[in-house]
Protein backbone atom coordinates (compact mmCIF):
# COMPACT_ATOMS: atom_id res chain seq x y z
CA MET A 1 124.99 -169.99 -51.29
CA HIS A 2 123.81 -167.68 -54.08
CA LEU A 3 123.31 -164.62 -51.85
CA MET A 4 126.58 -165.26 -50.01
CA LYS A 5 128.47 -165.50 -53.30
CA GLN A 6 126.79 -162.41 -54.75
CA THR A 7 127.67 -160.40 -51.63
CA LEU A 8 131.27 -161.61 -51.81
CA LEU A 9 131.56 -160.70 -55.49
CA GLU A 10 130.27 -157.20 -54.73
CA GLY A 11 132.60 -156.71 -51.75
CA LEU A 12 135.91 -158.06 -53.10
CA PRO A 13 136.61 -155.07 -55.42
CA GLU A 14 136.37 -152.73 -52.39
CA LEU A 15 139.24 -154.70 -50.86
CA ASN A 16 141.09 -154.72 -54.20
CA LEU A 17 141.21 -158.51 -54.03
CA ASP A 18 141.00 -160.66 -57.13
CA LEU A 19 140.05 -164.22 -56.22
CA SER A 20 139.30 -167.09 -58.57
CA GLU A 21 135.86 -168.62 -58.97
CA ALA A 22 137.12 -171.72 -57.12
CA GLN A 23 138.35 -169.63 -54.16
CA ILE A 24 135.04 -167.79 -53.95
CA ASP A 25 133.12 -171.07 -54.06
CA THR A 26 135.31 -172.51 -51.30
CA LEU A 27 134.77 -169.41 -49.15
CA CYS A 28 131.01 -169.81 -49.57
CA ALA A 29 131.22 -173.55 -48.83
CA PHE A 30 133.05 -172.78 -45.59
CA GLY A 31 130.55 -170.04 -44.70
CA GLU A 32 127.70 -172.50 -45.28
CA ALA A 33 129.47 -175.15 -43.19
CA VAL A 34 129.82 -172.72 -40.27
CA VAL A 35 126.11 -171.86 -40.41
CA LYS A 36 125.15 -175.54 -40.56
CA GLN A 37 127.44 -176.54 -37.69
CA ASN A 38 126.12 -173.60 -35.69
CA GLU A 39 122.83 -175.51 -35.36
CA VAL A 40 124.56 -177.97 -33.00
CA MET A 41 127.52 -175.95 -31.73
CA ASN A 42 127.79 -172.31 -30.66
CA LEU A 43 130.04 -170.86 -33.37
CA THR A 44 128.50 -167.54 -34.39
CA ALA A 45 125.55 -165.22 -33.85
CA ILE A 46 125.77 -164.27 -37.54
CA THR A 47 123.91 -166.76 -39.74
CA GLU A 48 122.20 -164.74 -42.48
CA PRO A 49 124.06 -165.42 -45.79
CA ALA A 50 124.81 -161.80 -46.77
CA ALA A 51 125.93 -160.98 -43.22
CA VAL A 52 128.19 -164.06 -43.14
CA ALA A 53 129.76 -162.87 -46.40
CA LYS A 54 130.36 -159.35 -45.09
CA LEU A 55 131.09 -159.77 -41.40
CA HIS A 56 132.96 -163.07 -41.50
CA LEU A 57 134.38 -163.69 -44.98
CA LEU A 58 135.14 -160.19 -46.32
CA ASP A 59 136.19 -158.97 -42.88
CA SER A 60 138.66 -161.87 -42.58
CA LEU A 61 140.01 -161.28 -46.09
CA SER A 62 141.01 -157.73 -45.13
CA VAL A 63 144.06 -159.33 -43.47
CA LEU A 64 145.35 -160.11 -46.98
CA CYS A 65 145.37 -156.36 -47.68
CA ALA A 66 147.54 -155.64 -44.64
CA ALA A 67 150.57 -157.78 -45.49
CA ASP A 68 152.07 -159.95 -48.22
CA LEU A 69 151.36 -163.40 -46.82
CA LYS A 70 152.65 -165.43 -49.77
CA ASP A 71 154.92 -168.24 -48.51
CA LYS A 72 154.69 -166.86 -44.98
CA THR A 73 153.59 -168.51 -41.73
CA LEU A 74 150.60 -167.09 -39.87
CA ILE A 75 148.94 -168.07 -36.60
CA ASP A 76 145.33 -167.14 -35.87
CA VAL A 77 145.15 -166.83 -32.07
CA GLY A 78 141.72 -167.66 -30.66
CA CYS A 79 140.38 -168.61 -34.09
CA GLY A 80 136.89 -169.58 -32.88
CA ALA A 81 134.93 -170.81 -35.89
CA GLY A 82 137.99 -170.21 -38.09
CA PHE A 83 137.97 -166.45 -38.65
CA PRO A 84 140.10 -164.88 -39.97
CA GLY A 85 142.48 -167.84 -40.46
CA VAL A 86 140.39 -170.05 -42.75
CA PRO A 87 139.41 -167.32 -45.27
CA VAL A 88 143.09 -166.26 -45.29
CA ALA A 89 144.11 -169.86 -46.10
CA ILE A 90 141.54 -169.91 -48.92
CA GLY A 91 142.36 -166.44 -50.27
CA CYS A 92 146.11 -167.05 -50.24
CA SER A 93 146.78 -170.79 -50.40
CA ASP A 94 150.55 -170.11 -50.23
CA THR A 95 150.16 -168.94 -46.62
CA HIS A 96 150.99 -171.60 -44.02
CA VAL A 97 148.14 -171.07 -41.55
CA THR A 98 147.95 -172.38 -37.99
CA LEU A 99 144.60 -172.15 -36.20
CA LEU A 100 144.83 -171.95 -32.41
CA ASP A 101 141.84 -172.20 -30.07
CA SER A 102 141.32 -173.41 -26.52
CA LEU A 103 138.02 -175.16 -27.24
CA GLY A 104 138.74 -178.74 -28.30
CA LYS A 105 135.40 -179.48 -29.95
CA ARG A 106 135.71 -176.39 -32.13
CA VAL A 107 139.19 -177.38 -33.26
CA LYS A 108 138.06 -180.97 -33.85
CA TRP A 109 135.30 -179.70 -36.13
CA LEU A 110 137.82 -177.57 -38.07
CA GLU A 111 140.11 -180.62 -38.41
CA GLU A 112 137.21 -182.50 -40.00
CA ILE A 113 135.68 -179.82 -42.23
CA LEU A 114 138.84 -178.23 -43.68
CA PRO A 115 140.20 -181.35 -45.47
CA ALA A 116 136.66 -182.05 -46.73
CA LEU A 117 136.67 -178.63 -48.41
CA GLY A 118 140.26 -178.92 -49.65
CA ILE A 119 141.58 -176.26 -47.24
CA GLN A 120 145.02 -176.65 -45.70
CA ALA A 121 145.69 -175.45 -42.16
CA ASN A 122 147.35 -176.75 -39.03
CA CYS A 123 144.91 -176.95 -36.08
CA VAL A 124 146.09 -176.68 -32.47
CA THR A 125 144.00 -176.97 -29.30
CA ALA A 126 145.55 -174.85 -26.52
CA ARG A 127 145.26 -171.56 -24.72
CA ALA A 128 147.53 -168.91 -26.23
CA GLU A 129 149.66 -168.55 -23.11
CA GLU A 130 150.11 -172.35 -22.92
CA ALA A 131 151.07 -172.68 -26.59
CA ALA A 132 153.49 -169.73 -26.55
CA PRO A 133 156.56 -171.61 -25.16
CA LYS A 134 156.36 -174.26 -27.90
CA TYR A 135 155.77 -171.82 -30.77
CA ARG A 136 157.70 -168.84 -29.42
CA GLU A 137 158.86 -166.48 -32.18
CA THR A 138 158.30 -169.05 -34.95
CA PHE A 139 155.68 -167.25 -37.08
CA ASP A 140 156.00 -164.43 -39.61
CA TYR A 141 152.59 -163.11 -38.60
CA ALA A 142 150.02 -163.49 -35.84
CA THR A 143 146.44 -162.33 -36.24
CA SER A 144 143.35 -162.36 -34.07
CA ARG A 145 139.79 -161.13 -34.15
CA ALA A 146 137.27 -160.44 -31.39
CA VAL A 147 139.41 -161.96 -28.64
CA ALA A 148 140.29 -159.08 -26.29
CA ARG A 149 141.16 -155.40 -26.10
CA LEU A 150 144.47 -154.60 -27.76
CA ASN A 151 146.55 -154.19 -24.58
CA ILE A 152 145.57 -157.77 -23.61
CA LEU A 153 145.60 -159.17 -27.15
CA LEU A 154 149.18 -158.10 -27.86
CA GLU A 155 150.54 -160.05 -24.90
CA LEU A 156 148.77 -163.14 -26.27
CA THR A 157 149.96 -162.71 -29.89
CA ALA A 158 153.38 -160.97 -29.89
CA PRO A 159 155.29 -163.91 -28.33
CA PHE A 160 154.44 -166.07 -31.38
CA VAL A 161 155.97 -163.64 -33.88
CA LYS A 162 159.61 -163.72 -34.95
CA VAL A 163 161.62 -160.49 -35.01
CA GLY A 164 160.92 -158.81 -38.35
CA GLY A 165 157.41 -160.25 -38.49
CA ALA A 166 154.22 -158.52 -37.39
CA VAL A 167 151.02 -158.76 -35.40
CA LEU A 168 147.96 -158.02 -37.57
CA ALA A 169 145.33 -157.03 -35.02
CA MET A 170 141.76 -156.86 -36.33
CA LYS A 171 139.69 -154.17 -34.65
CA GLY A 172 136.45 -152.23 -35.07
CA SER A 173 135.70 -148.52 -34.76
CA ALA A 174 137.61 -148.24 -31.45
CA ALA A 175 140.93 -149.27 -33.08
CA ARG A 176 142.74 -145.98 -32.44
CA GLU A 177 141.39 -145.66 -28.92
CA GLU A 178 142.60 -149.19 -28.10
CA LEU A 179 145.98 -148.45 -29.69
CA ALA A 180 146.44 -145.39 -27.50
CA GLU A 181 145.55 -147.52 -24.47
CA ALA A 182 148.10 -150.18 -25.54
CA LYS A 183 151.16 -147.89 -25.91
CA ASN A 184 152.92 -149.47 -22.95
CA ALA A 185 152.20 -153.02 -24.18
CA VAL A 186 153.54 -152.18 -27.66
CA LYS A 187 156.82 -150.96 -26.17
CA LYS A 188 157.28 -153.76 -23.61
CA LEU A 189 156.56 -156.58 -26.07
CA GLY A 190 159.12 -155.48 -28.68
CA LEU A 191 156.60 -154.07 -31.14
CA GLN A 192 156.31 -150.87 -33.17
CA VAL A 193 153.17 -149.48 -34.81
CA GLU A 194 153.66 -149.56 -38.56
CA ASN A 195 150.23 -148.89 -40.02
CA ILE A 196 146.49 -148.78 -39.42
CA LEU A 197 144.42 -149.83 -42.42
CA ASP A 198 140.70 -149.04 -42.48
CA PHE A 199 138.12 -151.02 -44.45
CA PRO A 200 134.45 -150.07 -44.89
CA ILE A 201 132.50 -153.28 -44.29
CA ASP A 202 128.71 -153.32 -44.01
CA GLY A 203 128.54 -149.59 -43.26
CA ALA A 204 131.10 -149.70 -40.44
CA THR A 205 134.85 -149.18 -40.26
CA HIS A 206 136.92 -152.29 -39.66
CA SER A 207 140.65 -151.84 -39.09
CA VAL A 208 143.80 -153.93 -39.22
CA ILE A 209 146.56 -152.57 -37.00
CA VAL A 210 150.00 -153.65 -38.22
CA LEU A 211 152.56 -153.87 -35.39
CA ARG A 212 156.07 -154.80 -36.49
CA LYS A 213 158.22 -156.95 -34.18
CA ILE A 214 161.49 -155.03 -33.76
CA ALA A 215 162.91 -156.86 -30.73
CA PRO A 216 162.38 -160.21 -29.00
CA THR A 217 159.46 -160.34 -26.57
CA PRO A 218 160.84 -160.61 -23.00
CA ALA A 219 160.68 -164.17 -21.65
CA GLN A 220 158.20 -163.34 -18.86
CA TYR A 221 155.45 -162.72 -21.45
CA PRO A 222 152.83 -163.98 -21.86
CA ARG A 223 151.79 -164.24 -18.22
CA ARG A 224 148.89 -166.41 -17.07
CA TYR A 225 145.64 -165.14 -18.59
CA ALA A 226 144.10 -164.28 -15.22
CA LYS A 227 147.13 -162.07 -14.53
CA ILE A 228 147.04 -160.47 -18.00
CA LYS A 229 143.35 -159.62 -17.55
CA GLN A 230 143.81 -158.41 -14.00
CA SER A 231 146.69 -156.05 -14.84
CA PRO A 232 147.08 -155.45 -18.60
CA LEU A 233 150.39 -154.00 -19.73
């Protein structure tokens, strides 16, 4: 816990984030819980405390620098072990976070651990394309990390976002390359590129691409995942 907390305290000023002692402790408690659960469930390849702080916690918190999430709704599509959605819920407790993942046992674990740590989030077990009809255009923001290349990811996230909201796509050093590749998807899904924010995390550039929803996503999207993967927009 000590090393994780120290690494967080060193990294937060670089993101210009000012979190309370309680928020930092909760972030560390969640990081520790992920590492512990990883012993019995495949959640992450990153288990060293400083690396968890940098590559999971600080990386996830960069979403808070990309948009004002206070009193807004956000869905984390393909949340996995809870990144970035859980750190966002901790870092801005006024954000109404929904965690979506297709793996039931992962979601069940999140449903158990989050109340135990005093973290509020709605947990949903479903594939993105299956959940889209129920939650279509109901969220202010959708975010996702390490799920798919951008031209695939946007078809899975954009349908959840209401017009006027935005997709906050978390990407690594290939962010601009993936954005160029996704031009057609951006246009077809009713999106517009608003910003690309770069964050230096653990010696590498991590980016959040902000894509504003300027028109409703056509009803035929998202398609079945096999189809999306076979012929990305």
